Amino acid sequence: MAFSPLERLLMVFVGMVAVGFCLCYLTASMHLANLTRTYQNVQNQVTVQKRVIADDKQTVGELSNSDRLNSYASAHGFAVIEGNIKHAVK
């Protein structure tokens, strides 16, 4: 049983459309994988920066602790005047 020229042309066209869909799917899949990787990298950077900020806030809290300041001042012969202390706030 032989196929007519129209049937052959239709089979070639359907085959090319199927190949085109496969290539589009592959390209979209690779692009999505790249976007996911970029998103993960940005999330990691955000997490690192949040840790740095938390550490810095803890350091500011420790440095502005009045007991620590009073003990440092008395150990070095200074007097703490509360009105002259500036607080580091956000």
N, C-alpha and C. Protein backbone atom coordinates (compact mmCIF):
# COMPACT_ATOMS: atom_id res chain seq x y z
N MET A 1 0.84 -1.17 0.00
CA MET A 1 0.00 0.00 0.00
C MET A 1 0.89 1.24 0.00
N ALA A 2 0.77 2.04 -0.99
CA ALA A 2 1.58 3.24 -1.13
C ALA A 2 0.80 4.46 -0.64
N PHE A 3 1.54 5.40 -0.12
CA PHE A 3 0.91 6.63 0.35
C PHE A 3 0.88 7.65 -0.78
N SER A 4 -0.15 8.43 -0.78
CA SER A 4 -0.27 9.47 -1.81
C SER A 4 0.69 10.61 -1.45
N PRO A 5 1.01 11.47 -2.40
CA PRO A 5 1.91 12.60 -2.12
C PRO A 5 1.37 13.51 -1.01
N LEU A 6 0.06 13.68 -0.93
CA LEU A 6 -0.52 14.52 0.12
C LEU A 6 -0.30 13.88 1.50
N GLU A 7 -0.46 12.56 1.59
CA GLU A 7 -0.25 11.85 2.86
C GLU A 7 1.23 11.92 3.27
N ARG A 8 2.12 11.79 2.33
CA ARG A 8 3.55 11.91 2.63
C ARG A 8 3.90 13.31 3.13
N LEU A 9 3.35 14.30 2.46
CA LEU A 9 3.60 15.69 2.86
C LEU A 9 3.04 15.94 4.27
N LEU A 10 1.87 15.40 4.54
CA LEU A 10 1.26 15.54 5.86
C LEU A 10 2.08 14.85 6.93
N MET A 11 2.63 13.68 6.66
CA MET A 11 3.46 12.96 7.63
C MET A 11 4.76 13.73 7.90
N VAL A 12 5.35 14.28 6.86
CA VAL A 12 6.57 15.06 7.04
C VAL A 12 6.28 16.30 7.87
N PHE A 13 5.16 16.96 7.58
CA PHE A 13 4.77 18.16 8.33
C PHE A 13 4.53 17.83 9.80
N VAL A 14 3.79 16.76 10.08
CA VAL A 14 3.52 16.36 11.46
C VAL A 14 4.82 15.98 12.16
N GLY A 15 5.72 15.31 11.47
CA GLY A 15 7.02 14.97 12.05
C GLY A 15 7.83 16.21 12.40
N MET A 16 7.82 17.19 11.52
CA MET A 16 8.56 18.42 11.78
C MET A 16 7.95 19.19 12.94
N VAL A 17 6.63 19.20 13.03
CA VAL A 17 5.96 19.86 14.15
C VAL A 17 6.34 19.16 15.46
N ALA A 18 6.37 17.83 15.46
CA ALA A 18 6.73 17.08 16.67
C ALA A 18 8.16 17.38 17.08
N VAL A 19 9.07 17.42 16.14
CA VAL A 19 10.47 17.76 16.43
C VAL A 19 10.56 19.18 16.98
N GLY A 20 9.80 20.11 16.40
CA GLY A 20 9.79 21.48 16.88
C GLY A 20 9.30 21.58 18.32
N PHE A 21 8.21 20.85 18.64
CA PHE A 21 7.73 20.85 20.01
C PHE A 21 8.77 20.27 20.96
N CYS A 22 9.44 19.22 20.55
CA CYS A 22 10.48 18.62 21.41
C CYS A 22 11.62 19.61 21.66
N LEU A 23 12.04 20.32 20.62
CA LEU A 23 13.11 21.31 20.79
C LEU A 23 12.66 22.46 21.69
N CYS A 24 11.43 22.91 21.54
CA CYS A 24 10.92 23.98 22.41
C CYS A 24 10.86 23.50 23.85
N TYR A 25 10.41 22.28 24.08
CA TYR A 25 10.34 21.74 25.43
C TYR A 25 11.73 21.65 26.05
N LEU A 26 12.70 21.16 25.28
CA LEU A 26 14.06 21.03 25.78
C LEU A 26 14.66 22.40 26.12
N THR A 27 14.46 23.36 25.25
CA THR A 27 14.97 24.70 25.49
C THR A 27 14.33 25.32 26.74
N ALA A 28 13.02 25.18 26.87
CA ALA A 28 12.32 25.73 28.04
C ALA A 28 12.78 25.04 29.32
N SER A 29 13.00 23.75 29.25
CA SER A 29 13.45 23.00 30.42
C SER A 29 14.84 23.46 30.86
N MET A 30 15.72 23.67 29.92
CA MET A 30 17.07 24.14 30.25
C MET A 30 17.02 25.56 30.82
N HIS A 31 16.18 26.40 30.25
CA HIS A 31 16.05 27.78 30.74
C HIS A 31 15.50 27.78 32.16
N LEU A 32 14.52 26.93 32.44
CA LEU A 32 13.95 26.84 33.78
C LEU A 32 15.00 26.35 34.78
N ALA A 33 15.83 25.40 34.38
CA ALA A 33 16.89 24.91 35.27
C ALA A 33 17.88 26.03 35.59
N ASN A 34 18.22 26.83 34.59
CA ASN A 34 19.13 27.95 34.82
C ASN A 34 18.52 29.00 35.75
N LEU A 35 17.24 29.28 35.56
CA LEU A 35 16.56 30.25 36.42
C LEU A 35 16.48 29.73 37.85
N THR A 36 16.22 28.46 38.01
CA THR A 36 16.15 27.87 39.34
C THR A 36 17.50 27.96 40.04
N ARG A 37 18.56 27.71 39.32
CA ARG A 37 19.91 27.79 39.88
C ARG A 37 20.24 29.22 40.29
N THR A 38 19.88 30.18 39.44
CA THR A 38 20.12 31.59 39.75
C THR A 38 19.33 31.99 41.00
N TYR A 39 18.08 31.54 41.09
CA TYR A 39 17.25 31.84 42.25
C TYR A 39 17.88 31.26 43.52
N GLN A 40 18.37 30.04 43.45
CA GLN A 40 19.01 29.42 44.62
C GLN A 40 20.25 30.20 45.03
N ASN A 41 21.04 30.65 44.07
CA ASN A 41 22.24 31.44 44.39
C ASN A 41 21.86 32.75 45.08
N VAL A 42 20.81 33.41 44.59
CA VAL A 42 20.38 34.66 45.20
C VAL A 42 19.86 34.39 46.61
N GLN A 43 19.12 33.30 46.79
CA GLN A 43 18.61 32.96 48.12
C GLN A 43 19.77 32.69 49.09
N ASN A 44 20.81 32.03 48.62
CA ASN A 44 21.99 31.78 49.47
C ASN A 44 22.66 33.09 49.86
N GLN A 45 22.77 34.02 48.92
CA GLN A 45 23.38 35.31 49.22
C GLN A 45 22.54 36.09 50.23
N VAL A 46 21.22 36.02 50.08
CA VAL A 46 20.33 36.70 51.03
C VAL A 46 20.49 36.11 52.42
N THR A 47 20.58 34.79 52.50
CA THR A 47 20.74 34.13 53.80
C THR A 47 22.06 34.55 54.45
N VAL A 48 23.12 34.61 53.67
CA VAL A 48 24.43 35.01 54.21
C VAL A 48 24.35 36.45 54.72
N GLN A 49 23.72 37.34 53.95
CA GLN A 49 23.63 38.73 54.38
C GLN A 49 22.76 38.89 55.63
N LYS A 50 21.71 38.08 55.74
CA LYS A 50 20.88 38.13 56.95
C LYS A 50 21.68 37.70 58.17
N ARG A 51 22.53 36.69 58.00
CA ARG A 51 23.39 36.27 59.11
C ARG A 51 24.36 37.38 59.51
N VAL A 52 24.94 38.04 58.51
CA VAL A 52 25.88 39.13 58.79
C VAL A 52 25.16 40.25 59.53
N ILE A 53 23.96 40.59 59.10
CA ILE A 53 23.20 41.65 59.76
C ILE A 53 22.87 41.25 61.19
N ALA A 54 22.46 40.00 61.40
CA ALA A 54 22.14 39.54 62.76
C ALA A 54 23.38 39.59 63.65
N ASP A 55 24.52 39.18 63.11
CA ASP A 55 25.76 39.25 63.87
C ASP A 55 26.12 40.70 64.22
N ASP A 56 25.94 41.59 63.26
CA ASP A 56 26.24 43.01 63.50
C ASP A 56 25.30 43.60 64.54
N LYS A 57 24.03 43.23 64.49
CA LYS A 57 23.07 43.72 65.49
C LYS A 57 23.45 43.22 66.88
N GLN A 58 23.89 41.96 66.94
CA GLN A 58 24.30 41.42 68.23
C GLN A 58 25.53 42.15 68.75
N THR A 59 26.46 42.46 67.86
CA THR A 59 27.66 43.19 68.25
C THR A 59 27.30 44.58 68.76
N VAL A 60 26.40 45.26 68.05
CA VAL A 60 25.96 46.59 68.49
C VAL A 60 25.30 46.48 69.85
N GLY A 61 24.49 45.46 70.06
CA GLY A 61 23.84 45.27 71.35
C GLY A 61 24.84 45.05 72.46
N GLU A 62 25.85 44.25 72.16
CA GLU A 62 26.88 43.99 73.17
C GLU A 62 27.69 45.23 73.48
N LEU A 63 28.01 46.00 72.45
CA LEU A 63 28.83 47.19 72.65
C LEU A 63 28.07 48.31 73.34
N SER A 64 26.75 48.32 73.17
CA SER A 64 25.98 49.40 73.79
C SER A 64 25.38 48.98 75.13
N ASN A 65 25.76 47.83 75.63
CA ASN A 65 25.29 47.38 76.93
C ASN A 65 25.87 48.30 78.00
N SER A 66 24.99 48.86 78.84
CA SER A 66 25.44 49.86 79.81
C SER A 66 26.33 49.24 80.89
N ASP A 67 26.06 48.00 81.29
CA ASP A 67 26.92 47.36 82.29
C ASP A 67 28.35 47.21 81.77
N ARG A 68 28.46 46.80 80.53
CA ARG A 68 29.78 46.64 79.93
C ARG A 68 30.48 47.99 79.84
N LEU A 69 29.72 49.01 79.46
CA LEU A 69 30.29 50.35 79.33
C LEU A 69 30.74 50.88 80.69
N ASN A 70 29.94 50.68 81.70
CA ASN A 70 30.30 51.14 83.05
C ASN A 70 31.54 50.42 83.58
N SER A 71 31.62 49.13 83.36
CA SER A 71 32.78 48.39 83.85
C SER A 71 34.05 48.80 83.10
N TYR A 72 33.94 49.04 81.79
CA TYR A 72 35.10 49.49 81.02
C TYR A 72 35.55 50.86 81.50
N ALA A 73 34.57 51.74 81.72
CA ALA A 73 34.91 53.10 82.15
C ALA A 73 35.56 53.08 83.53
N SER A 74 35.01 52.32 84.47
CA SER A 74 35.60 52.30 85.81
C SER A 74 36.97 51.63 85.81
N ALA A 75 37.19 50.67 84.94
CA ALA A 75 38.48 50.00 84.85
C ALA A 75 39.56 50.93 84.30
N HIS A 76 39.16 51.91 83.50
CA HIS A 76 40.13 52.81 82.90
C HIS A 76 40.09 54.22 83.49
N GLY A 77 39.39 54.38 84.60
CA GLY A 77 39.40 55.66 85.29
C GLY A 77 38.49 56.71 84.69
N PHE A 78 37.47 56.31 83.96
CA PHE A 78 36.53 57.26 83.37
C PHE A 78 35.22 57.22 84.12
N ALA A 79 34.42 58.25 83.93
CA ALA A 79 33.07 58.28 84.49
C ALA A 79 32.07 58.30 83.33
N VAL A 80 31.03 57.53 83.45
CA VAL A 80 30.01 57.47 82.40
C VAL A 80 28.91 58.47 82.72
N ILE A 81 28.66 59.36 81.79
CA ILE A 81 27.55 60.31 81.90
C ILE A 81 26.49 59.86 80.89
N GLU A 82 25.37 59.37 81.42
CA GLU A 82 24.35 58.76 80.55
C GLU A 82 23.84 59.71 79.48
N GLY A 83 23.78 61.00 79.78
CA GLY A 83 23.27 61.97 78.80
C GLY A 83 24.19 62.15 77.60
N ASN A 84 25.45 61.78 77.75
CA ASN A 84 26.41 61.95 76.65
C ASN A 84 26.54 60.71 75.78
N ILE A 85 25.81 59.65 76.11
CA ILE A 85 25.92 58.40 75.35
C ILE A 85 24.96 58.45 74.17
N LYS A 86 25.49 58.15 73.02
CA LYS A 86 24.65 58.08 71.81
C LYS A 86 24.42 56.61 71.51
N HIS A 87 23.19 56.27 71.22
CA HIS A 87 22.83 54.89 70.93
C HIS A 87 22.78 54.67 69.42
N ALA A 88 23.28 53.54 69.02
CA ALA A 88 23.21 53.16 67.61
C ALA A 88 21.89 52.44 67.38
N VAL A 89 21.02 53.11 66.66
CA VAL A 89 19.71 52.52 66.36
C VAL A 89 19.48 52.56 64.86
N LYS A 90 18.61 51.70 64.44
CA LYS A 90 18.31 51.63 63.01
C LYS A 90 17.24 52.62 62.66
